């Protein structure tokens, strides 16, 4: 029984790995990788906290 669970978990992990590395997900990952390098939006206007 433990062998069956091990095999099922192995198939599950390999399936998740294949899904994450599929070429259909590449654009999403590329956009997420560039997001920290993009300039921030305009800072909010209004009174500053603590002033």
PDB file of N, CA and C in Angstrom:
ATOM      1  N   UNK A   1       0.827  -1.193   0.000  1.00  0.00           N
ATOM      2  CA  UNK A   1       0.000   0.000   0.000  1.00  0.00           C
ATOM      3  C   UNK A   1       0.875   1.262   0.000  1.00  0.00           C
ATOM      4  N   UNK A   2       1.976   1.243   0.777  1.00  0.00           N
ATOM      5  CA  UNK A   2       2.853   2.409   0.808  1.00  0.00           C
ATOM      6  C   UNK A   2       3.494   2.655  -0.551  1.00  0.00           C
ATOM      7  N   UNK A   3       3.773   1.576  -1.270  1.00  0.00           N
ATOM      8  CA  UNK A   3       4.340   1.719  -2.605  1.00  0.00           C
ATOM      9  C   UNK A   3       3.388   2.420  -3.556  1.00  0.00           C
ATOM     10  N   UNK A   4       2.101   2.148  -3.417  1.00  0.00           N
ATOM     11  CA  UNK A   4       1.096   2.792  -4.250  1.00  0.00           C
ATOM     12  C   UNK A   4       1.024   4.286  -3.942  1.00  0.00           C
ATOM     13  N   UNK A   5       1.027   4.634  -2.655  1.00  0.00           N
ATOM     14  CA  UNK A   5       1.032   6.051  -2.266  1.00  0.00           C
ATOM     15  C   UNK A   5       2.279   6.759  -2.782  1.00  0.00           C
ATOM     16  N   UNK A   6       3.411   6.105  -2.676  1.00  0.00           N
ATOM     17  CA  UNK A   6       4.657   6.695  -3.163  1.00  0.00           C
ATOM     18  C   UNK A   6       4.585   6.935  -4.669  1.00  0.00           C
ATOM     19  N   UNK A   7       4.072   5.971  -5.405  1.00  0.00           N
ATOM     20  CA  UNK A   7       3.959   6.111  -6.855  1.00  0.00           C
ATOM     21  C   UNK A   7       2.992   7.240  -7.217  1.00  0.00           C
ATOM     22  N   UNK A   8       1.854   7.314  -6.508  1.00  0.00           N
ATOM     23  CA  UNK A   8       0.890   8.381  -6.782  1.00  0.00           C
ATOM     24  C   UNK A   8       1.479   9.758  -6.487  1.00  0.00           C
ATOM     25  N   UNK A   9       2.206   9.876  -5.384  1.00  0.00           N
ATOM     26  CA  UNK A   9       2.825  11.155  -5.056  1.00  0.00           C
ATOM     27  C   UNK A   9       3.909  11.530  -6.063  1.00  0.00           C
ATOM     28  N   UNK A  10       4.648  10.541  -6.523  1.00  0.00           N
ATOM     29  CA  UNK A  10       5.666  10.801  -7.531  1.00  0.00           C
ATOM     30  C   UNK A  10       5.021  11.321  -8.821  1.00  0.00           C
ATOM     31  N   UNK A  11       3.937  10.695  -9.235  1.00  0.00           N
ATOM     32  CA  UNK A  11       3.226  11.145 -10.437  1.00  0.00           C
ATOM     33  C   UNK A  11       2.686  12.554 -10.222  1.00  0.00           C
ATOM     34  N   UNK A  12       2.152  12.842  -9.033  1.00  0.00           N
ATOM     35  CA  UNK A  12       1.635  14.168  -8.724  1.00  0.00           C
ATOM     36  C   UNK A  12       2.738  15.222  -8.792  1.00  0.00           C
ATOM     37  N   UNK A  13       3.875  14.947  -8.180  1.00  0.00           N
ATOM     38  CA  UNK A  13       4.991  15.900  -8.186  1.00  0.00           C
ATOM     39  C   UNK A  13       5.491  16.123  -9.611  1.00  0.00           C
ATOM     40  N   UNK A  14       5.634  15.059 -10.372  1.00  0.00           N
ATOM     41  CA  UNK A  14       6.093  15.210 -11.756  1.00  0.00           C
ATOM     42  C   UNK A  14       5.074  15.973 -12.598  1.00  0.00           C
ATOM     43  N   UNK A  15       3.790  15.777 -12.324  1.00  0.00           N
ATOM     44  CA  UNK A  15       2.756  16.525 -13.039  1.00  0.00           C
ATOM     45  C   UNK A  15       2.810  18.017 -12.732  1.00  0.00           C
ATOM     46  N   UNK A  16       2.987  18.349 -11.453  1.00  0.00           N
ATOM     47  CA  UNK A  16       3.105  19.762 -11.059  1.00  0.00           C
ATOM     48  C   UNK A  16       4.361  20.370 -11.662  1.00  0.00           C
ATOM     49  N   UNK A  17       5.457  19.632 -11.641  1.00  0.00           N
ATOM     50  CA  UNK A  17       6.705  20.117 -12.223  1.00  0.00           C
ATOM     51  C   UNK A  17       6.525  20.387 -13.724  1.00  0.00           C
ATOM     52  N   UNK A  18       5.895  19.467 -14.430  1.00  0.00           N
ATOM     53  CA  UNK A  18       5.691  19.636 -15.872  1.00  0.00           C
ATOM     54  C   UNK A  18       4.776  20.826 -16.146  1.00  0.00           C
ATOM     55  N   UNK A  19       3.734  21.012 -15.332  1.00  0.00           N
ATOM     56  CA  UNK A  19       2.817  22.141 -15.513  1.00  0.00           C
ATOM     57  C   UNK A  19       3.553  23.464 -15.289  1.00  0.00           C
ATOM     58  N   UNK A  20       4.366  23.518 -14.228  1.00  0.00           N
ATOM     59  CA  UNK A  20       5.061  24.764 -13.902  1.00  0.00           C
ATOM     60  C   UNK A  20       6.095  25.131 -14.964  1.00  0.00           C
ATOM     61  N   UNK A  21       6.726  24.159 -15.563  1.00  0.00           N
ATOM     62  CA  UNK A  21       7.772  24.427 -16.551  1.00  0.00           C
ATOM     63  C   UNK A  21       7.269  24.386 -17.990  1.00  0.00           C
ATOM     64  N   UNK A  22       5.951  24.282 -18.186  1.00  0.00           N
ATOM     65  CA  UNK A  22       5.426  24.210 -19.545  1.00  0.00           C
ATOM     66  C   UNK A  22       5.621  25.554 -20.256  1.00  0.00           C
ATOM     67  N   UNK A  23       5.696  25.497 -21.554  1.00  0.00           N
ATOM     68  CA  UNK A  23       5.931  26.715 -22.334  1.00  0.00           C
ATOM     69  C   UNK A  23       4.730  27.661 -22.266  1.00  0.00           C
ATOM     70  N   UNK A  24       3.552  27.160 -21.949  1.00  0.00           N
ATOM     71  CA  UNK A  24       2.377  28.026 -21.835  1.00  0.00           C
ATOM     72  C   UNK A  24       2.475  28.953 -20.634  1.00  0.00           C
ATOM     73  N   UNK A  25       3.251  28.604 -19.622  1.00  0.00           N
ATOM     74  CA  UNK A  25       3.398  29.408 -18.417  1.00  0.00           C
ATOM     75  C   UNK A  25       4.559  30.398 -18.526  1.00  0.00           C
ATOM     76  N   UNK A  26       5.368  30.288 -19.551  1.00  0.00           N
ATOM     77  CA  UNK A  26       6.578  31.100 -19.668  1.00  0.00           C
ATOM     78  C   UNK A  26       6.287  32.600 -19.650  1.00  0.00           C
ATOM     79  N   UNK A  27       5.267  33.048 -20.369  1.00  0.00           N
ATOM     80  CA  UNK A  27       4.955  34.474 -20.424  1.00  0.00           C
ATOM     81  C   UNK A  27       4.587  34.989 -19.029  1.00  0.00           C
ATOM     82  N   UNK A  28       3.822  34.224 -18.284  1.00  0.00           N
ATOM     83  CA  UNK A  28       3.434  34.629 -16.930  1.00  0.00           C
ATOM     84  C   UNK A  28       4.662  34.786 -16.048  1.00  0.00           C
ATOM     85  N   UNK A  29       5.574  33.833 -16.126  1.00  0.00           N
ATOM     86  CA  UNK A  29       6.785  33.897 -15.309  1.00  0.00           C
ATOM     87  C   UNK A  29       7.695  35.032 -15.746  1.00  0.00           C
ATOM     88  N   UNK A  30       7.781  35.275 -17.046  1.00  0.00           N
ATOM     89  CA  UNK A  30       8.611  36.382 -17.532  1.00  0.00           C
ATOM     90  C   UNK A  30       8.068  37.731 -17.046  1.00  0.00           C
ATOM     91  N   UNK A  31       6.756  37.893 -17.081  1.00  0.00           N
ATOM     92  CA  UNK A  31       6.154  39.132 -16.592  1.00  0.00           C
ATOM     93  C   UNK A  31       6.395  39.301 -15.090  1.00  0.00           C
ATOM     94  N   UNK A  32       6.262  38.230 -14.343  1.00  0.00           N
ATOM     95  CA  UNK A  32       6.492  38.296 -12.897  1.00  0.00           C
ATOM     96  C   UNK A  32       7.955  38.601 -12.589  1.00  0.00           C
ATOM     97  N   UNK A  33       8.866  38.118 -13.413  1.00  0.00           N
ATOM     98  CA  UNK A  33      10.283  38.370 -13.189  1.00  0.00           C
ATOM     99  C   UNK A  33      10.646  39.825 -13.471  1.00  0.00           C
ATOM    100  N   UNK A  34       9.950  40.459 -14.413  1.00  0.00           N
ATOM    101  CA  UNK A  34      10.234  41.856 -14.747  1.00  0.00           C
ATOM    102  C   UNK A  34       9.540  42.840 -13.820  1.00  0.00           C
ATOM    103  N   UNK A  35       8.515  42.403 -13.121  1.00  0.00           N
ATOM    104  CA  UNK A  35       7.708  43.308 -12.298  1.00  0.00           C
ATOM    105  C   UNK A  35       8.524  44.103 -11.279  1.00  0.00           C
ATOM    106  N   UNK A  36       9.490  43.523 -10.558  1.00  0.00           N
ATOM    107  CA  UNK A  36      10.254  44.330  -9.596  1.00  0.00           C
ATOM    108  C   UNK A  36      11.118  45.401 -10.256  1.00  0.00           C
ATOM    109  N   UNK A  37      11.433  45.263 -11.520  1.00  0.00           N
ATOM    110  CA  UNK A  37      12.297  46.219 -12.206  1.00  0.00           C
ATOM    111  C   UNK A  37      11.528  47.366 -12.840  1.00  0.00           C
ATOM    112  N   UNK A  38      10.207  47.240 -12.918  1.00  0.00           N
ATOM    113  CA  UNK A  38       9.400  48.288 -13.522  1.00  0.00           C
ATOM    114  C   UNK A  38       9.228  49.438 -12.531  1.00  0.00           C
ATOM    115  N   UNK A  39       9.132  50.665 -13.043  1.00  0.00           N
ATOM    116  CA  UNK A  39       8.928  51.803 -12.134  1.00  0.00           C
ATOM    117  C   UNK A  39       7.570  51.691 -11.451  1.00  0.00           C
ATOM    118  N   UNK A  40       7.528  52.205 -10.222  1.00  0.00           N
ATOM    119  CA  UNK A  40       6.275  52.201  -9.481  1.00  0.00           C
ATOM    120  C   UNK A  40       5.311  53.196 -10.083  1.00  0.00           C
ATOM    121  N   UNK A  41       4.059  53.027  -9.753  1.00  0.00           N
ATOM    122  CA  UNK A  41       3.064  54.003 -10.189  1.00  0.00           C
ATOM    123  C   UNK A  41       3.290  55.279  -9.397  1.00  0.00           C
ATOM    124  N   UNK A  42       2.645  56.340  -9.794  1.00  0.00           N
ATOM    125  CA  UNK A  42       2.799  57.625  -9.112  1.00  0.00           C
ATOM    126  C   UNK A  42       2.454  57.458  -7.632  1.00  0.00           C
ATOM    127  N   UNK A  43       3.220  58.087  -6.770  1.00  0.00           N
ATOM    128  CA  UNK A  43       2.925  57.957  -5.335  1.00  0.00           C
ATOM    129  C   UNK A  43       1.579  58.587  -5.012  1.00  0.00           C
ATOM    130  N   UNK A  44       0.900  58.072  -4.011  1.00  0.00           N
ATOM    131  CA  UNK A  44      -0.399  58.650  -3.669  1.00  0.00           C
ATOM    132  C   UNK A  44      -0.255  60.064  -3.163  1.00  0.00           C
ATOM    133  N   UNK A  45      -1.223  60.897  -3.478  1.00  0.00           N
ATOM    134  CA  UNK A  45      -1.206  62.292  -3.038  1.00  0.00           C
ATOM    135  C   UNK A  45      -2.063  62.408  -1.792  1.00  0.00           C
ATOM    136  N   UNK A  46      -1.703  63.399  -0.984  1.00  0.00           N
ATOM    137  CA  UNK A  46      -2.486  63.640   0.217  1.00  0.00           C
ATOM    138  C   UNK A  46      -1.576  63.815   1.402  1.00  0.00           C
ATOM    139  N   UNK A  47      -2.150  64.035   2.550  1.00  0.00           N
ATOM    140  CA  UNK A  47      -1.327  64.261   3.742  1.00  0.00           C
ATOM    141  C   UNK A  47      -0.506  63.020   4.092  1.00  0.00           C
ATOM    142  N   UNK A  48       0.708  63.261   4.509  1.00  0.00           N
ATOM    143  CA  UNK A  48       1.575  62.157   4.904  1.00  0.00           C
ATOM    144  C   UNK A  48       1.247  61.727   6.319  1.00  0.00           C
ATOM    145  N   UNK A  49       1.372  60.488   6.574  1.00  0.00           N
ATOM    146  CA  UNK A  49       1.155  59.996   7.926  1.00  0.00           C
ATOM    147  C   UNK A  49       2.314  60.439   8.800  1.00  0.00           C
ATOM    148  N   UNK A  50       2.032  60.910   9.978  1.00  0.00           N
ATOM    149  CA  UNK A  50       3.079  61.314  10.907  1.00  0.00           C
ATOM    150  C   UNK A  50       3.557  62.733  10.729  1.00  0.00           C
ATOM    151  N   UNK A  51       2.952  63.509   9.862  1.00  0.00           N
ATOM    152  CA  UNK A  51       3.396  64.890   9.648  1.00  0.00           C
ATOM    153  C   UNK A  51       2.582  65.844  10.474  1.00  0.00           C
TER     154      UNK A  51
END
